[in-house]
Every structure is written in C-alpha cells, then in structure tokens.
C-alpha cells in the first residue's frame, strides 16, 4: 500500500491512524487495565466521531468488532454489558468533541 492509499476512506488520515491505535490498545490491555482502557479508548472513538475524523459507520463497525474480539482477562465479560459500556463511552466522547476534523 502506498503512502497515499487509505484503508478507511470514510476517515481522515488522522482518524484512520487513531482508530487503529484505539483497537490495538483495547485488544492488548493487560488484566487489571482492561476496564479503564476500554472506557478511555471508547471515549476516544466518540471524540473521533464527533470531530468528524471517522464516520458513523466506522464507529459502529469498530464497536461491533471490539465487542466480539475483546478477550476475557480475569472475570469473563458479559457481551451485552460490554457493548453498553463501550457505546456509553462513545456517546460521552462524542458529546465532548469540538466538531473540528484534523484534516482530510
């Protein structure tokens, strides 16, 4: 892939890099850090969405992906509760966003 090719055409370049980082941080969070990492990074998804760095569709796909891929570390996750937790943090992040994309 050349430097100009984009994996996610529905994102700014900033959003594309940031959403990959969000997913990586959540999926690699160690036991004892999962809860706070999920909340912080899900809030970040909302900020990216509110700032129009990612599309609504990209945010939804990311939440769907994470809900199915987050591994149980310690106590098993209730998947429905996990989805609600992620969506709640996304909504909070979107509400706090400034609405200014970081460029296309």
PDB file of N, CA and C in Angstrom:
ATOM      1  N   UNK A   1       0.853  -1.176   0.000  1.00  0.00           N
ATOM      2  CA  UNK A   1       0.000   0.000   0.000  1.00  0.00           C
ATOM      3  C   UNK A   1       0.895   1.233   0.000  1.00  0.00           C
ATOM      4  N   UNK A   2       0.642   2.137  -0.917  1.00  0.00           N
ATOM      5  CA  UNK A   2       1.446   3.354  -0.982  1.00  0.00           C
ATOM      6  C   UNK A   2       1.053   4.290   0.159  1.00  0.00           C
ATOM      7  N   UNK A   3       1.859   5.315   0.336  1.00  0.00           N
ATOM      8  CA  UNK A   3       1.608   6.278   1.412  1.00  0.00           C
ATOM      9  C   UNK A   3       0.274   6.998   1.226  1.00  0.00           C
ATOM     10  N   UNK A   4      -0.207   7.082  -0.012  1.00  0.00           N
ATOM     11  CA  UNK A   4      -1.452   7.799  -0.273  1.00  0.00           C
ATOM     12  C   UNK A   4      -2.698   6.904  -0.176  1.00  0.00           C
ATOM     13  N   UNK A   5      -2.525   5.604  -0.289  1.00  0.00           N
ATOM     14  CA  UNK A   5      -3.679   4.706  -0.207  1.00  0.00           C
ATOM     15  C   UNK A   5      -4.208   4.700   1.214  1.00  0.00           C
ATOM     16  N   UNK A   6      -5.526   4.636   1.323  1.00  0.00           N
ATOM     17  CA  UNK A   6      -6.165   4.664   2.634  1.00  0.00           C
ATOM     18  C   UNK A   6      -6.926   3.375   2.867  1.00  0.00           C
ATOM     19  N   UNK A   7      -6.820   2.847   4.052  1.00  0.00           N
ATOM     20  CA  UNK A   7      -7.574   1.651   4.416  1.00  0.00           C
ATOM     21  C   UNK A   7      -9.037   1.998   4.678  1.00  0.00           C
ATOM     22  N   UNK A   8      -9.273   3.168   5.243  1.00  0.00           N
ATOM     23  CA  UNK A   8     -10.619   3.597   5.607  1.00  0.00           C
ATOM     24  C   UNK A   8     -10.934   4.915   4.904  1.00  0.00           C
ATOM     25  N   UNK A   9     -11.527   4.870   3.729  1.00  0.00           N
ATOM     26  CA  UNK A   9     -11.803   6.114   3.009  1.00  0.00           C
ATOM     27  C   UNK A   9     -12.845   6.993   3.707  1.00  0.00           C
ATOM     28  N   UNK A  10     -13.534   6.441   4.701  1.00  0.00           N
ATOM     29  CA  UNK A  10     -14.540   7.211   5.442  1.00  0.00           C
ATOM     30  C   UNK A  10     -13.944   7.883   6.681  1.00  0.00           C
ATOM     31  N   UNK A  11     -12.619   8.021   6.709  1.00  0.00           N
ATOM     32  CA  UNK A  11     -11.931   8.651   7.828  1.00  0.00           C
ATOM     33  C   UNK A  11     -10.921   9.667   7.302  1.00  0.00           C
ATOM     34  N   UNK A  12     -10.585  10.636   8.141  1.00  0.00           N
ATOM     35  CA  UNK A  12      -9.425  11.460   7.831  1.00  0.00           C
ATOM     36  C   UNK A  12      -8.197  10.583   8.039  1.00  0.00           C
ATOM     37  N   UNK A  13      -7.059  11.025   7.560  1.00  0.00           N
ATOM     38  CA  UNK A  13      -5.828  10.262   7.793  1.00  0.00           C
ATOM     39  C   UNK A  13      -5.574  10.152   9.299  1.00  0.00           C
ATOM     40  N   UNK A  14      -5.801  11.228  10.021  1.00  0.00           N
ATOM     41  CA  UNK A  14      -5.667  11.223  11.474  1.00  0.00           C
ATOM     42  C   UNK A  14      -6.599  10.179  12.094  1.00  0.00           C
ATOM     43  N   UNK A  15      -7.858  10.171  11.654  1.00  0.00           N
ATOM     44  CA  UNK A  15      -8.834   9.227  12.186  1.00  0.00           C
ATOM     45  C   UNK A  15      -8.465   7.786  11.902  1.00  0.00           C
ATOM     46  N   UNK A  16      -7.938   7.553  10.721  1.00  0.00           N
ATOM     47  CA  UNK A  16      -7.525   6.207  10.329  1.00  0.00           C
ATOM     48  C   UNK A  16      -6.434   5.672  11.265  1.00  0.00           C
ATOM     49  N   UNK A  17      -5.438   6.490  11.522  1.00  0.00           N
ATOM     50  CA  UNK A  17      -4.349   6.088  12.416  1.00  0.00           C
ATOM     51  C   UNK A  17      -4.868   5.944  13.842  1.00  0.00           C
ATOM     52  N   UNK A  18      -5.688   6.894  14.270  1.00  0.00           N
ATOM     53  CA  UNK A  18      -6.202   6.882  15.639  1.00  0.00           C
ATOM     54  C   UNK A  18      -7.096   5.671  15.906  1.00  0.00           C
ATOM     55  N   UNK A  19      -7.964   5.306  14.962  1.00  0.00           N
ATOM     56  CA  UNK A  19      -8.879   4.185  15.208  1.00  0.00           C
ATOM     57  C   UNK A  19      -8.095   2.873  15.279  1.00  0.00           C
ATOM     58  N   UNK A  20      -7.049   2.743  14.478  1.00  0.00           N
ATOM     59  CA  UNK A  20      -6.195   1.555  14.577  1.00  0.00           C
ATOM     60  C   UNK A  20      -5.507   1.497  15.938  1.00  0.00           C
ATOM     61  N   UNK A  21      -5.084   2.651  16.439  1.00  0.00           N
ATOM     62  CA  UNK A  21      -4.441   2.713  17.753  1.00  0.00           C
ATOM     63  C   UNK A  21      -5.425   2.356  18.868  1.00  0.00           C
ATOM     64  N   UNK A  22      -6.646   2.864  18.767  1.00  0.00           N
ATOM     65  CA  UNK A  22      -7.697   2.543  19.747  1.00  0.00           C
ATOM     66  C   UNK A  22      -7.901   1.031  19.836  1.00  0.00           C
ATOM     67  N   UNK A  23      -8.079   0.402  18.686  1.00  0.00           N
ATOM     68  CA  UNK A  23      -8.314  -1.042  18.646  1.00  0.00           C
ATOM     69  C   UNK A  23      -7.123  -1.785  19.259  1.00  0.00           C
ATOM     70  N   UNK A  24      -5.924  -1.403  18.874  1.00  0.00           N
ATOM     71  CA  UNK A  24      -4.729  -2.060  19.413  1.00  0.00           C
ATOM     72  C   UNK A  24      -4.663  -1.933  20.935  1.00  0.00           C
ATOM     73  N   UNK A  25      -4.870  -0.734  21.448  1.00  0.00           N
ATOM     74  CA  UNK A  25      -4.792  -0.513  22.903  1.00  0.00           C
ATOM     75  C   UNK A  25      -5.828  -1.344  23.655  1.00  0.00           C
ATOM     76  N   UNK A  26      -7.043  -1.399  23.132  1.00  0.00           N
ATOM     77  CA  UNK A  26      -8.084  -2.165  23.810  1.00  0.00           C
ATOM     78  C   UNK A  26      -7.785  -3.654  23.768  1.00  0.00           C
ATOM     79  N   UNK A  27      -7.404  -4.150  22.610  1.00  0.00           N
ATOM     80  CA  UNK A  27      -7.184  -5.595  22.477  1.00  0.00           C
ATOM     81  C   UNK A  27      -5.940  -6.085  23.211  1.00  0.00           C
ATOM     82  N   UNK A  28      -5.004  -5.205  23.495  1.00  0.00           N
ATOM     83  CA  UNK A  28      -3.781  -5.628  24.179  1.00  0.00           C
ATOM     84  C   UNK A  28      -3.727  -5.188  25.640  1.00  0.00           C
ATOM     85  N   UNK A  29      -4.803  -4.615  26.143  1.00  0.00           N
ATOM     86  CA  UNK A  29      -4.814  -4.173  27.538  1.00  0.00           C
ATOM     87  C   UNK A  29      -4.624  -5.373  28.472  1.00  0.00           C
ATOM     88  N   UNK A  30      -3.699  -5.270  29.413  1.00  0.00           N
ATOM     89  CA  UNK A  30      -3.458  -6.389  30.322  1.00  0.00           C
ATOM     90  C   UNK A  30      -4.551  -6.512  31.387  1.00  0.00           C
ATOM     91  N   UNK A  31      -4.591  -7.676  31.993  1.00  0.00           N
ATOM     92  CA  UNK A  31      -5.528  -7.900  33.098  1.00  0.00           C
ATOM     93  C   UNK A  31      -5.309  -6.801  34.142  1.00  0.00           C
ATOM     94  N   UNK A  32      -6.380  -6.301  34.676  1.00  0.00           N
ATOM     95  CA  UNK A  32      -6.304  -5.218  35.646  1.00  0.00           C
ATOM     96  C   UNK A  32      -6.353  -3.840  35.002  1.00  0.00           C
ATOM     97  N   UNK A  33      -6.152  -3.765  33.695  1.00  0.00           N
ATOM     98  CA  UNK A  33      -6.185  -2.490  32.973  1.00  0.00           C
ATOM     99  C   UNK A  33      -7.270  -2.462  31.901  1.00  0.00           C
ATOM    100  N   UNK A  34      -7.937  -3.590  31.699  1.00  0.00           N
ATOM    101  CA  UNK A  34      -8.933  -3.663  30.627  1.00  0.00           C
ATOM    102  C   UNK A  34     -10.066  -2.664  30.808  1.00  0.00           C
ATOM    103  N   UNK A  35     -10.633  -2.632  31.982  1.00  0.00           N
ATOM    104  CA  UNK A  35     -11.798  -1.776  32.236  1.00  0.00           C
ATOM    105  C   UNK A  35     -11.506  -0.315  31.907  1.00  0.00           C
ATOM    106  N   UNK A  36     -10.444   0.225  32.462  1.00  0.00           N
ATOM    107  CA  UNK A  36     -10.122   1.642  32.245  1.00  0.00           C
ATOM    108  C   UNK A  36      -9.716   1.886  30.797  1.00  0.00           C
ATOM    109  N   UNK A  37      -9.013   0.942  30.198  1.00  0.00           N
ATOM    110  CA  UNK A  37      -8.603   1.096  28.800  1.00  0.00           C
ATOM    111  C   UNK A  37      -9.818   1.105  27.884  1.00  0.00           C
ATOM    112  N   UNK A  38     -10.749   0.195  28.119  1.00  0.00           N
ATOM    113  CA  UNK A  38     -11.972   0.143  27.302  1.00  0.00           C
ATOM    114  C   UNK A  38     -12.739   1.456  27.418  1.00  0.00           C
ATOM    115  N   UNK A  39     -12.873   1.959  28.622  1.00  0.00           N
ATOM    116  CA  UNK A  39     -13.625   3.209  28.808  1.00  0.00           C
ATOM    117  C   UNK A  39     -12.923   4.394  28.146  1.00  0.00           C
ATOM    118  N   UNK A  40     -11.632   4.525  28.380  1.00  0.00           N
ATOM    119  CA  UNK A  40     -10.889   5.669  27.814  1.00  0.00           C
ATOM    120  C   UNK A  40     -10.847   5.622  26.295  1.00  0.00           C
ATOM    121  N   UNK A  41     -10.548   4.470  25.756  1.00  0.00           N
ATOM    122  CA  UNK A  41     -10.414   4.359  24.307  1.00  0.00           C
ATOM    123  C   UNK A  41     -11.774   4.419  23.609  1.00  0.00           C
ATOM    124  N   UNK A  42     -12.825   3.954  24.251  1.00  0.00           N
ATOM    125  CA  UNK A  42     -14.167   4.080  23.678  1.00  0.00           C
ATOM    126  C   UNK A  42     -14.597   5.547  23.667  1.00  0.00           C
ATOM    127  N   UNK A  43     -14.230   6.281  24.709  1.00  0.00           N
ATOM    128  CA  UNK A  43     -14.468   7.728  24.750  1.00  0.00           C
ATOM    129  C   UNK A  43     -13.739   8.382  23.574  1.00  0.00           C
ATOM    130  N   UNK A  44     -12.539   7.904  23.303  1.00  0.00           N
ATOM    131  CA  UNK A  44     -11.749   8.426  22.185  1.00  0.00           C
ATOM    132  C   UNK A  44     -12.442   8.165  20.846  1.00  0.00           C
ATOM    133  N   UNK A  45     -13.077   7.007  20.688  1.00  0.00           N
ATOM    134  CA  UNK A  45     -13.856   6.727  19.473  1.00  0.00           C
ATOM    135  C   UNK A  45     -14.927   7.810  19.310  1.00  0.00           C
ATOM    136  N   UNK A  46     -15.607   8.125  20.402  1.00  0.00           N
ATOM    137  CA  UNK A  46     -16.634   9.159  20.355  1.00  0.00           C
ATOM    138  C   UNK A  46     -16.085  10.516  19.967  1.00  0.00           C
ATOM    139  N   UNK A  47     -14.905  10.864  20.482  1.00  0.00           N
ATOM    140  CA  UNK A  47     -14.273  12.133  20.115  1.00  0.00           C
ATOM    141  C   UNK A  47     -13.928  12.146  18.633  1.00  0.00           C
ATOM    142  N   UNK A  48     -13.402  11.040  18.128  1.00  0.00           N
ATOM    143  CA  UNK A  48     -13.083  10.946  16.702  1.00  0.00           C
ATOM    144  C   UNK A  48     -14.341  11.104  15.858  1.00  0.00           C
ATOM    145  N   UNK A  49     -15.419  10.511  16.306  1.00  0.00           N
ATOM    146  CA  UNK A  49     -16.694  10.609  15.600  1.00  0.00           C
ATOM    147  C   UNK A  49     -17.223  12.042  15.659  1.00  0.00           C
ATOM    148  N   UNK A  50     -17.224  12.629  16.835  1.00  0.00           N
ATOM    149  CA  UNK A  50     -17.716  13.995  16.995  1.00  0.00           C
ATOM    150  C   UNK A  50     -16.891  15.025  16.245  1.00  0.00           C
ATOM    151  N   UNK A  51     -15.607  14.755  16.099  1.00  0.00           N
ATOM    152  CA  UNK A  51     -14.731  15.654  15.351  1.00  0.00           C
ATOM    153  C   UNK A  51     -14.740  15.358  13.850  1.00  0.00           C
ATOM    154  N   UNK A  52     -15.550  14.407  13.458  1.00  0.00           N
ATOM    155  CA  UNK A  52     -15.704  14.012  12.048  1.00  0.00           C
ATOM    156  C   UNK A  52     -14.411  13.455  11.446  1.00  0.00           C
ATOM    157  N   UNK A  53     -13.572  12.861  12.300  1.00  0.00           N
ATOM    158  CA  UNK A  53     -12.373  12.184  11.812  1.00  0.00           C
ATOM    159  C   UNK A  53     -12.683  10.750  11.393  1.00  0.00           C
ATOM    160  N   UNK A  54     -13.787  10.207  11.897  1.00  0.00           N
ATOM    161  CA  UNK A  54     -14.281   8.904  11.456  1.00  0.00           C
ATOM    162  C   UNK A  54     -15.781   9.035  11.211  1.00  0.00           C
ATOM    163  N   UNK A  55     -16.289   8.169  10.364  1.00  0.00           N
ATOM    164  CA  UNK A  55     -17.721   8.196  10.061  1.00  0.00           C
ATOM    165  C   UNK A  55     -18.508   7.422  11.116  1.00  0.00           C
ATOM    166  N   UNK A  56     -19.802   7.651  11.120  1.00  0.00           N
ATOM    167  CA  UNK A  56     -20.706   6.897  11.997  1.00  0.00           C
ATOM    168  C   UNK A  56     -20.564   5.402  11.708  1.00  0.00           C
ATOM    169  N   UNK A  57     -20.464   5.054  10.447  1.00  0.00           N
ATOM    170  CA  UNK A  57     -20.312   3.651  10.045  1.00  0.00           C
ATOM    171  C   UNK A  57     -19.016   3.058  10.590  1.00  0.00           C
ATOM    172  N   UNK A  58     -17.915   3.809  10.515  1.00  0.00           N
ATOM    173  CA  UNK A  58     -16.625   3.316  11.034  1.00  0.00           C
ATOM    174  C   UNK A  58     -16.713   3.124  12.538  1.00  0.00           C
ATOM    175  N   UNK A  59     -17.354   4.048  13.232  1.00  0.00           N
ATOM    176  CA  UNK A  59     -17.512   3.909  14.683  1.00  0.00           C
ATOM    177  C   UNK A  59     -18.327   2.660  15.006  1.00  0.00           C
ATOM    178  N   UNK A  60     -19.424   2.448  14.280  1.00  0.00           N
ATOM    179  CA  UNK A  60     -20.272   1.282  14.533  1.00  0.00           C
ATOM    180  C   UNK A  60     -19.514  -0.013  14.261  1.00  0.00           C
ATOM    181  N   UNK A  61     -18.799  -0.049  13.152  1.00  0.00           N
ATOM    182  CA  UNK A  61     -18.026  -1.257  12.821  1.00  0.00           C
ATOM    183  C   UNK A  61     -16.952  -1.535  13.874  1.00  0.00           C
ATOM    184  N   UNK A  62     -16.343  -0.483  14.375  1.00  0.00           N
ATOM    185  CA  UNK A  62     -15.310  -0.653  15.399  1.00  0.00           C
ATOM    186  C   UNK A  62     -15.915  -1.192  16.687  1.00  0.00           C
ATOM    187  N   UNK A  63     -17.051  -0.652  17.092  1.00  0.00           N
ATOM    188  CA  UNK A  63     -17.731  -1.152  18.299  1.00  0.00           C
ATOM    189  C   UNK A  63     -18.132  -2.614  18.106  1.00  0.00           C
ATOM    190  N   UNK A  64     -18.682  -2.943  16.943  1.00  0.00           N
ATOM    191  CA  UNK A  64     -19.054  -4.340  16.659  1.00  0.00           C
ATOM    192  C   UNK A  64     -17.833  -5.248  16.758  1.00  0.00           C
ATOM    193  N   UNK A  65     -16.742  -4.836  16.133  1.00  0.00           N
ATOM    194  CA  UNK A  65     -15.516  -5.625  16.134  1.00  0.00           C
ATOM    195  C   UNK A  65     -15.008  -5.831  17.557  1.00  0.00           C
ATOM    196  N   UNK A  66     -14.910  -4.745  18.310  1.00  0.00           N
ATOM    197  CA  UNK A  66     -14.383  -4.832  19.671  1.00  0.00           C
ATOM    198  C   UNK A  66     -15.252  -5.703  20.563  1.00  0.00           C
ATOM    199  N   UNK A  67     -16.556  -5.552  20.441  1.00  0.00           N
ATOM    200  CA  UNK A  67     -17.460  -6.341  21.286  1.00  0.00           C
ATOM    201  C   UNK A  67     -17.225  -7.837  21.096  1.00  0.00           C
ATOM    202  N   UNK A  68     -16.927  -8.237  19.881  1.00  0.00           N
ATOM    203  CA  UNK A  68     -16.692  -9.650  19.611  1.00  0.00           C
ATOM    204  C   UNK A  68     -15.273 -10.122  19.862  1.00  0.00           C
ATOM    205  N   UNK A  69     -14.298  -9.200  19.889  1.00  0.00           N
ATOM    206  CA  UNK A  69     -12.887  -9.597  19.950  1.00  0.00           C
ATOM    207  C   UNK A  69     -12.205  -9.390  21.299  1.00  0.00           C
ATOM    208  N   UNK A  70     -12.765  -8.588  22.174  1.00  0.00           N
ATOM    209  CA  UNK A  70     -12.105  -8.357  23.463  1.00  0.00           C
ATOM    210  C   UNK A  70     -12.057  -9.672  24.233  1.00  0.00           C
ATOM    211  N   UNK A  71     -10.853 -10.053  24.622  1.00  0.00           N
ATOM    212  CA  UNK A  71     -10.676 -11.310  25.348  1.00  0.00           C
ATOM    213  C   UNK A  71     -10.960 -11.130  26.819  1.00  0.00           C
ATOM    214  N   UNK A  72     -11.457 -12.187  27.409  1.00  0.00           N
ATOM    215  CA  UNK A  72     -11.690 -12.194  28.851  1.00  0.00           C
ATOM    216  C   UNK A  72     -10.342 -12.306  29.557  1.00  0.00           C
ATOM    217  N   UNK A  73     -10.052 -11.358  30.391  1.00  0.00           N
ATOM    218  CA  UNK A  73      -8.845 -11.413  31.216  1.00  0.00           C
ATOM    219  C   UNK A  73      -9.343 -11.307  32.653  1.00  0.00           C
ATOM    220  N   UNK A  74      -9.256 -12.398  33.365  1.00  0.00           N
ATOM    221  CA  UNK A  74      -9.826 -12.420  34.707  1.00  0.00           C
ATOM    222  C   UNK A  74     -11.276 -12.851  34.621  1.00  0.00           C
ATOM    223  N   UNK A  75     -12.179 -11.991  35.016  1.00  0.00           N
ATOM    224  CA  UNK A  75     -13.613 -12.295  35.002  1.00  0.00           C
ATOM    225  C   UNK A  75     -14.148 -12.198  33.576  1.00  0.00           C
ATOM    226  N   UNK A  76     -14.914 -13.200  33.118  1.00  0.00           N
ATOM    227  CA  UNK A  76     -15.472 -13.157  31.752  1.00  0.00           C
ATOM    228  C   UNK A  76     -16.408 -11.960  31.561  1.00  0.00           C
ATOM    229  N   UNK A  77     -16.370 -11.387  30.362  1.00  0.00           N
ATOM    230  CA  UNK A  77     -17.236 -10.260  30.022  1.00  0.00           C
ATOM    231  C   UNK A  77     -18.624 -10.752  29.641  1.00  0.00           C
ATOM    232  N   UNK A  78     -19.634 -10.059  30.116  1.00  0.00           N
ATOM    233  CA  UNK A  78     -20.989 -10.218  29.610  1.00  0.00           C
ATOM    234  C   UNK A  78     -21.019  -9.347  28.354  1.00  0.00           C
ATOM    235  N   UNK A  79     -21.159  -9.957  27.186  1.00  0.00           N
ATOM    236  CA  UNK A  79     -21.018  -9.228  25.916  1.00  0.00           C
ATOM    237  C   UNK A  79     -22.041  -8.105  25.756  1.00  0.00           C
ATOM    238  N   UNK A  80     -23.254  -8.308  26.241  1.00  0.00           N
ATOM    239  CA  UNK A  80     -24.268  -7.252  26.140  1.00  0.00           C
ATOM    240  C   UNK A  80     -23.872  -6.058  27.017  1.00  0.00           C
ATOM    241  N   UNK A  81     -23.379  -6.330  28.212  1.00  0.00           N
ATOM    242  CA  UNK A  81     -22.946  -5.260  29.110  1.00  0.00           C
ATOM    243  C   UNK A  81     -21.695  -4.571  28.553  1.00  0.00           C
ATOM    244  N   UNK A  82     -20.806  -5.339  27.963  1.00  0.00           N
ATOM    245  CA  UNK A  82     -19.614  -4.774  27.348  1.00  0.00           C
ATOM    246  C   UNK A  82     -19.993  -3.801  26.234  1.00  0.00           C
ATOM    247  N   UNK A  83     -20.935  -4.198  25.377  1.00  0.00           N
ATOM    248  CA  UNK A  83     -21.397  -3.314  24.299  1.00  0.00           C
ATOM    249  C   UNK A  83     -22.000  -2.031  24.875  1.00  0.00           C
ATOM    250  N   UNK A  84     -22.821  -2.157  25.920  1.00  0.00           N
ATOM    251  CA  UNK A  84     -23.420  -0.964  26.537  1.00  0.00           C
ATOM    252  C   UNK A  84     -22.335  -0.045  27.104  1.00  0.00           C
ATOM    253  N   UNK A  85     -21.333  -0.629  27.724  1.00  0.00           N
ATOM    254  CA  UNK A  85     -20.227   0.149  28.304  1.00  0.00           C
ATOM    255  C   UNK A  85     -19.482   0.916  27.208  1.00  0.00           C
ATOM    256  N   UNK A  86     -19.173   0.238  26.118  1.00  0.00           N
ATOM    257  CA  UNK A  86     -18.470   0.874  25.006  1.00  0.00           C
ATOM    258  C   UNK A  86     -19.339   1.973  24.400  1.00  0.00           C
ATOM    259  N   UNK A  87     -20.596   1.674  24.115  1.00  0.00           N
ATOM    260  CA  UNK A  87     -21.487   2.656  23.492  1.00  0.00           C
ATOM    261  C   UNK A  87     -21.698   3.876  24.374  1.00  0.00           C
ATOM    262  N   UNK A  88     -21.784   3.666  25.686  1.00  0.00           N
ATOM    263  CA  UNK A  88     -21.963   4.783  26.617  1.00  0.00           C
ATOM    264  C   UNK A  88     -20.737   5.711  26.566  1.00  0.00           C
ATOM    265  N   UNK A  89     -19.544   5.135  26.552  1.00  0.00           N
ATOM    266  CA  UNK A  89     -18.327   5.941  26.488  1.00  0.00           C
ATOM    267  C   UNK A  89     -18.198   6.640  25.134  1.00  0.00           C
ATOM    268  N   UNK A  90     -18.592   5.973  24.054  1.00  0.00           N
ATOM    269  CA  UNK A  90     -18.584   6.596  22.728  1.00  0.00           C
ATOM    270  C   UNK A  90     -19.516   7.809  22.734  1.00  0.00           C
ATOM    271  N   UNK A  91     -20.712   7.643  23.263  1.00  0.00           N
ATOM    272  CA  UNK A  91     -21.667   8.758  23.332  1.00  0.00           C
ATOM    273  C   UNK A  91     -21.103   9.924  24.140  1.00  0.00           C
ATOM    274  N   UNK A  92     -20.444   9.620  25.263  1.00  0.00           N
ATOM    275  CA  UNK A  92     -19.862  10.676  26.096  1.00  0.00           C
ATOM    276  C   UNK A  92     -18.735  11.400  25.353  1.00  0.00           C
ATOM    277  N   UNK A  93     -17.906  10.650  24.642  1.00  0.00           N
ATOM    278  CA  UNK A  93     -16.832  11.261  23.874  1.00  0.00           C
ATOM    279  C   UNK A  93     -17.361  12.131  22.751  1.00  0.00           C
ATOM    280  N   UNK A  94     -18.397  11.654  22.094  1.00  0.00           N
ATOM    281  CA  UNK A  94     -18.987  12.428  21.000  1.00  0.00           C
ATOM    282  C   UNK A  94     -19.552  13.745  21.528  1.00  0.00           C
ATOM    283  N   UNK A  95     -20.156  13.697  22.694  1.00  0.00           N
ATOM    284  CA  UNK A  95     -20.725  14.912  23.294  1.00  0.00           C
ATOM    285  C   UNK A  95     -19.653  15.933  23.667  1.00  0.00           C
ATOM    286  N   UNK A  96     -18.458  15.488  23.970  1.00  0.00           N
ATOM    287  CA  UNK A  96     -17.369  16.378  24.374  1.00  0.00           C
ATOM    288  C   UNK A  96     -16.501  16.856  23.209  1.00  0.00           C
ATOM    289  N   UNK A  97     -16.681  16.263  22.046  1.00  0.00           N
ATOM    290  CA  UNK A  97     -15.843  16.614  20.890  1.00  0.00           C
ATOM    291  C   UNK A  97     -16.085  18.051  20.461  1.00  0.00           C
ATOM    292  N   UNK A  98     -15.094  18.622  19.826  1.00  0.00           N
ATOM    293  CA  UNK A  98     -15.186  20.008  19.377  1.00  0.00           C
ATOM    294  C   UNK A  98     -15.811  20.143  17.986  1.00  0.00           C
ATOM    295  N   UNK A  99     -15.902  19.056  17.256  1.00  0.00           N
ATOM    296  CA  UNK A  99     -16.512  19.106  15.933  1.00  0.00           C
ATOM    297  C   UNK A  99     -15.590  19.569  14.816  1.00  0.00           C
ATOM    298  N   UNK A 100     -14.300  19.576  15.083  1.00  0.00           N
ATOM    299  CA  UNK A 100     -13.324  20.028  14.088  1.00  0.00           C
ATOM    300  C   UNK A 100     -12.454  18.852  13.639  1.00  0.00           C
ATOM    301  N   UNK A 101     -12.610  18.404  12.394  1.00  0.00           N
ATOM    302  CA  UNK A 101     -11.760  17.303  11.923  1.00  0.00           C
ATOM    303  C   UNK A 101     -10.302  17.744  11.820  1.00  0.00           C
ATOM    304  N   UNK A 102      -9.424  16.776  11.931  1.00  0.00           N
ATOM    305  CA  UNK A 102      -7.989  17.042  11.892  1.00  0.00           C
ATOM    306  C   UNK A 102      -7.457  17.071  10.462  1.00  0.00           C
ATOM    307  N   UNK A 103      -8.307  17.152   9.479  1.00  0.00           N
ATOM    308  CA  UNK A 103      -7.889  17.256   8.081  1.00  0.00           C
ATOM    309  C   UNK A 103      -8.189  15.998   7.294  1.00  0.00           C
ATOM    310  N   UNK A 104      -8.348  16.161   6.010  1.00  0.00           N
ATOM    311  CA  UNK A 104      -8.684  15.013   5.126  1.00  0.00           C
ATOM    312  C   UNK A 104      -7.520  14.638   4.298  1.00  0.00           C
TER     313      UNK A 104
END
